[in-house]
Amino acid sequence: MAKTESPQDLLPLTPPVFHILLALADEERHGYGIMQDVARQTDDALQLGPGTLYGCLKRMLAAGLVEESDERPDPALDDQRRRYYRMTGLGHTVVRAEAQRLANAVVAAKSKRLLDRRPSLAGGKA
């Protein structure tokens, strides 16, 4: 991810990038906090390992979606080695655009009655 002219140039986001941005939507977090929030958001369906998380964060920093924060919640209680991340204005714009893209996909799936059916064990139509 390199810096781009348009937020649309960054879409579609990969699931890890989308969920990292969601984790940062309401507060700054350190890496382990991001991993925990992503697991919670996805009911453990997506569990980011350190390599995936920090690889994504490196690309997201380069693209201007996130930035490191110098602020600490409580310096006396915090480990100085932790790096905290926050979403940038571009990050907010991009995650909103991706959420809208996904919402449109859900509407399309509903219109095809793909979400109204019960899954069949035999793979046929329900």
C-alpha atoms as a PDB file:
ATOM      1  CA  MET A   1       0.000   0.000   0.000  1.00  0.00           C
ATOM      2  CA  ALA A   2       1.588   3.237  -1.112  1.00  0.00           C
ATOM      3  CA  LYS A   3       0.086   6.674  -0.535  1.00  0.00           C
ATOM      4  CA  THR A   4      -2.604   7.286  -3.132  1.00  0.00           C
ATOM      5  CA  GLU A   5      -4.715  10.122  -4.476  1.00  0.00           C
ATOM      6  CA  SER A   6      -8.124   8.569  -3.811  1.00  0.00           C
ATOM      7  CA  PRO A   7      -9.431   6.449  -0.916  1.00  0.00           C
ATOM      8  CA  GLN A   8     -11.196   4.303  -3.540  1.00  0.00           C
ATOM      9  CA  ASP A   9      -7.767   3.256  -4.840  1.00  0.00           C
ATOM     10  CA  LEU A  10      -7.276   1.283  -1.611  1.00  0.00           C
ATOM     11  CA  LEU A  11     -10.477  -0.762  -1.959  1.00  0.00           C
ATOM     12  CA  PRO A  12     -11.247  -3.535  -1.459  1.00  0.00           C
ATOM     13  CA  LEU A  13      -9.432  -3.915   1.846  1.00  0.00           C
ATOM     14  CA  THR A  14      -8.180  -7.288   2.963  1.00  0.00           C
ATOM     15  CA  PRO A  15     -10.047  -8.706   5.974  1.00  0.00           C
ATOM     16  CA  PRO A  16      -7.070  -8.142   8.323  1.00  0.00           C
ATOM     17  CA  VAL A  17      -6.707  -4.476   7.276  1.00  0.00           C
ATOM     18  CA  PHE A  18     -10.456  -3.868   7.540  1.00  0.00           C
ATOM     19  CA  HIS A  19     -10.631  -5.372  11.025  1.00  0.00           C
ATOM     20  CA  ILE A  20      -7.505  -3.542  12.210  1.00  0.00           C
ATOM     21  CA  LEU A  21      -9.117  -0.268  11.157  1.00  0.00           C
ATOM     22  CA  LEU A  22     -12.324  -1.268  12.951  1.00  0.00           C
ATOM     23  CA  ALA A  23     -10.274  -1.958  16.088  1.00  0.00           C
ATOM     24  CA  LEU A  24      -8.829   1.555  15.875  1.00  0.00           C
ATOM     25  CA  ALA A  25     -12.138   3.270  15.070  1.00  0.00           C
ATOM     26  CA  ASP A  26     -13.017   4.080  18.659  1.00  0.00           C
ATOM     27  CA  GLU A  27      -9.660   4.277  20.407  1.00  0.00           C
ATOM     28  CA  GLU A  28      -5.907   4.029  20.095  1.00  0.00           C
ATOM     29  CA  ARG A  29      -4.549   0.562  20.743  1.00  0.00           C
ATOM     30  CA  HIS A  30      -1.244  -1.252  20.975  1.00  0.00           C
ATOM     31  CA  GLY A  31      -0.553  -4.348  18.889  1.00  0.00           C
ATOM     32  CA  TYR A  32      -1.777  -6.955  21.361  1.00  0.00           C
ATOM     33  CA  GLY A  33      -4.917  -4.883  22.013  1.00  0.00           C
ATOM     34  CA  ILE A  34      -5.593  -4.798  18.260  1.00  0.00           C
ATOM     35  CA  MET A  35      -5.182  -8.586  18.022  1.00  0.00           C
ATOM     36  CA  GLN A  36      -7.613  -9.104  20.911  1.00  0.00           C
ATOM     37  CA  ASP A  37     -10.200  -6.730  19.449  1.00  0.00           C
ATOM     38  CA  VAL A  38     -10.047  -8.328  15.990  1.00  0.00           C
ATOM     39  CA  ALA A  39     -10.571 -11.775  17.536  1.00  0.00           C
ATOM     40  CA  ARG A  40     -13.531 -10.410  19.527  1.00  0.00           C
ATOM     41  CA  GLN A  41     -15.071  -8.671  16.472  1.00  0.00           C
ATOM     42  CA  THR A  42     -14.952 -11.870  14.450  1.00  0.00           C
ATOM     43  CA  ASP A  43     -15.864 -14.374  17.178  1.00  0.00           C
ATOM     44  CA  ASP A  44     -12.317 -15.764  16.814  1.00  0.00           C
ATOM     45  CA  ALA A  45     -12.802 -16.446  13.070  1.00  0.00           C
ATOM     46  CA  LEU A  46      -9.879 -14.096  12.349  1.00  0.00           C
ATOM     47  CA  GLN A  47      -6.945 -14.338  14.721  1.00  0.00           C
ATOM     48  CA  LEU A  48      -4.041 -12.173  13.678  1.00  0.00           C
ATOM     49  CA  GLY A  49      -0.564 -13.407  14.409  1.00  0.00           C
ATOM     50  CA  PRO A  50       2.225 -10.910  15.064  1.00  0.00           C
ATOM     51  CA  GLY A  51       3.645 -11.264  11.535  1.00  0.00           C
ATOM     52  CA  THR A  52       0.314 -10.519   9.879  1.00  0.00           C
ATOM     53  CA  LEU A  53      -0.521  -7.687  12.271  1.00  0.00           C
ATOM     54  CA  TYR A  54       2.781  -5.863  12.043  1.00  0.00           C
ATOM     55  CA  GLY A  55       3.103  -6.463   8.299  1.00  0.00           C
ATOM     56  CA  CYS A  56      -0.324  -4.896   7.812  1.00  0.00           C
ATOM     57  CA  LEU A  57       0.462  -2.021  10.173  1.00  0.00           C
ATOM     58  CA  LYS A  58       3.696  -1.298   8.296  1.00  0.00           C
ATOM     59  CA  ARG A  59       1.803  -1.071   4.993  1.00  0.00           C
ATOM     60  CA  MET A  60      -1.013   0.920   6.620  1.00  0.00           C
ATOM     61  CA  LEU A  61       1.512   3.409   8.054  1.00  0.00           C
ATOM     62  CA  ALA A  62       3.073   3.813   4.586  1.00  0.00           C
ATOM     63  CA  ALA A  63      -0.383   4.349   3.037  1.00  0.00           C
ATOM     64  CA  GLY A  64      -1.313   6.951   5.648  1.00  0.00           C
ATOM     65  CA  LEU A  65      -4.229   4.937   7.089  1.00  0.00           C
ATOM     66  CA  VAL A  66      -2.785   4.799  10.599  1.00  0.00           C
ATOM     67  CA  GLU A  67      -0.111   6.599  12.563  1.00  0.00           C
ATOM     68  CA  GLU A  68       1.831   5.899  15.717  1.00  0.00           C
ATOM     69  CA  SER A  69       0.702   7.753  18.798  1.00  0.00           C
ATOM     70  CA  ASP A  70       3.093   9.259  21.326  1.00  0.00           C
ATOM     71  CA  GLU A  71       0.404   9.386  23.998  1.00  0.00           C
ATOM     72  CA  ARG A  72       0.221   6.707  26.685  1.00  0.00           C
ATOM     73  CA  PRO A  73      -2.918   5.849  28.676  1.00  0.00           C
ATOM     74  CA  ASP A  74      -0.961   5.894  31.938  1.00  0.00           C
ATOM     75  CA  PRO A  75       2.814   6.019  31.567  1.00  0.00           C
ATOM     76  CA  ALA A  76       3.310   4.624  35.074  1.00  0.00           C
ATOM     77  CA  LEU A  77       1.303   1.491  34.234  1.00  0.00           C
ATOM     78  CA  ASP A  78       2.355   1.068  30.619  1.00  0.00           C
ATOM     79  CA  ASP A  79       5.280  -0.764  29.068  1.00  0.00           C
ATOM     80  CA  GLN A  80       7.422   1.766  27.185  1.00  0.00           C
ATOM     81  CA  ARG A  81       8.138  -0.795  24.460  1.00  0.00           C
ATOM     82  CA  ARG A  82       4.506  -0.801  23.376  1.00  0.00           C
ATOM     83  CA  ARG A  83       3.643   1.166  20.287  1.00  0.00           C
ATOM     84  CA  TYR A  84       0.181   2.635  20.097  1.00  0.00           C
ATOM     85  CA  TYR A  85      -1.618   3.222  16.812  1.00  0.00           C
ATOM     86  CA  ARG A  86      -4.496   5.450  15.804  1.00  0.00           C
ATOM     87  CA  MET A  87      -6.476   5.814  12.632  1.00  0.00           C
ATOM     88  CA  THR A  88      -5.883   8.882  10.455  1.00  0.00           C
ATOM     89  CA  GLY A  89      -8.546  10.907   8.652  1.00  0.00           C
ATOM     90  CA  LEU A  90      -7.758   8.942   5.487  1.00  0.00           C
ATOM     91  CA  GLY A  91      -8.130   5.725   7.471  1.00  0.00           C
ATOM     92  CA  HIS A  92     -11.606   6.813   8.614  1.00  0.00           C
ATOM     93  CA  THR A  93     -12.609   7.640   5.049  1.00  0.00           C
ATOM     94  CA  VAL A  94     -11.308   4.340   3.700  1.00  0.00           C
ATOM     95  CA  VAL A  95     -12.870   2.145   6.401  1.00  0.00           C
ATOM     96  CA  ARG A  96     -16.241   3.890   5.915  1.00  0.00           C
ATOM     97  CA  ALA A  97     -16.020   3.331   2.149  1.00  0.00           C
ATOM     98  CA  GLU A  98     -15.168  -0.351   2.685  1.00  0.00           C
ATOM     99  CA  ALA A  99     -18.021  -0.776   5.173  1.00  0.00           C
ATOM    100  CA  GLN A 100     -20.403   0.727   2.606  1.00  0.00           C
ATOM    101  CA  ARG A 101     -19.027  -1.560  -0.113  1.00  0.00           C
ATOM    102  CA  LEU A 102     -19.633  -4.572   2.120  1.00  0.00           C
ATOM    103  CA  ALA A 103     -23.117  -3.353   3.058  1.00  0.00           C
ATOM    104  CA  ASN A 104     -23.944  -3.076  -0.659  1.00  0.00           C
ATOM    105  CA  ALA A 105     -22.726  -6.642  -1.144  1.00  0.00           C
ATOM    106  CA  VAL A 106     -25.025  -7.831   1.656  1.00  0.00           C
ATOM    107  CA  VAL A 107     -27.978  -6.029   0.029  1.00  0.00           C
ATOM    108  CA  ALA A 108     -27.164  -7.748  -3.273  1.00  0.00           C
ATOM    109  CA  ALA A 109     -26.916 -11.149  -1.542  1.00  0.00           C
ATOM    110  CA  LYS A 110     -30.274 -10.558   0.163  1.00  0.00           C
ATOM    111  CA  SER A 111     -31.865  -9.599  -3.145  1.00  0.00           C
ATOM    112  CA  LYS A 112     -30.759 -12.986  -4.485  1.00  0.00           C
ATOM    113  CA  ARG A 113     -32.191 -14.611  -1.357  1.00  0.00           C
ATOM    114  CA  LEU A 114     -28.775 -15.981  -0.483  1.00  0.00           C
ATOM    115  CA  LEU A 115     -29.096 -14.934   3.143  1.00  0.00           C
ATOM    116  CA  ASP A 116     -32.718 -16.049   3.545  1.00  0.00           C
ATOM    117  CA  ARG A 117     -32.013 -19.727   2.992  1.00  0.00           C
ATOM    118  CA  ARG A 118     -30.907 -22.265   5.493  1.00  0.00           C
ATOM    119  CA  PRO A 119     -27.707 -24.017   4.496  1.00  0.00           C
ATOM    120  CA  SER A 120     -28.252 -27.493   3.157  1.00  0.00           C
ATOM    121  CA  LEU A 121     -26.037 -30.339   4.318  1.00  0.00           C
ATOM    122  CA  ALA A 122     -26.247 -31.950   0.874  1.00  0.00           C
ATOM    123  CA  GLY A 123     -25.213 -28.763  -0.900  1.00  0.00           C
ATOM    124  CA  GLY A 124     -28.531 -28.453  -2.733  1.00  0.00           C
ATOM    125  CA  LYS A 125     -31.136 -25.707  -2.566  1.00  0.00           C
ATOM    126  CA  ALA A 126     -32.910 -25.330   0.749  1.00  0.00           C
END
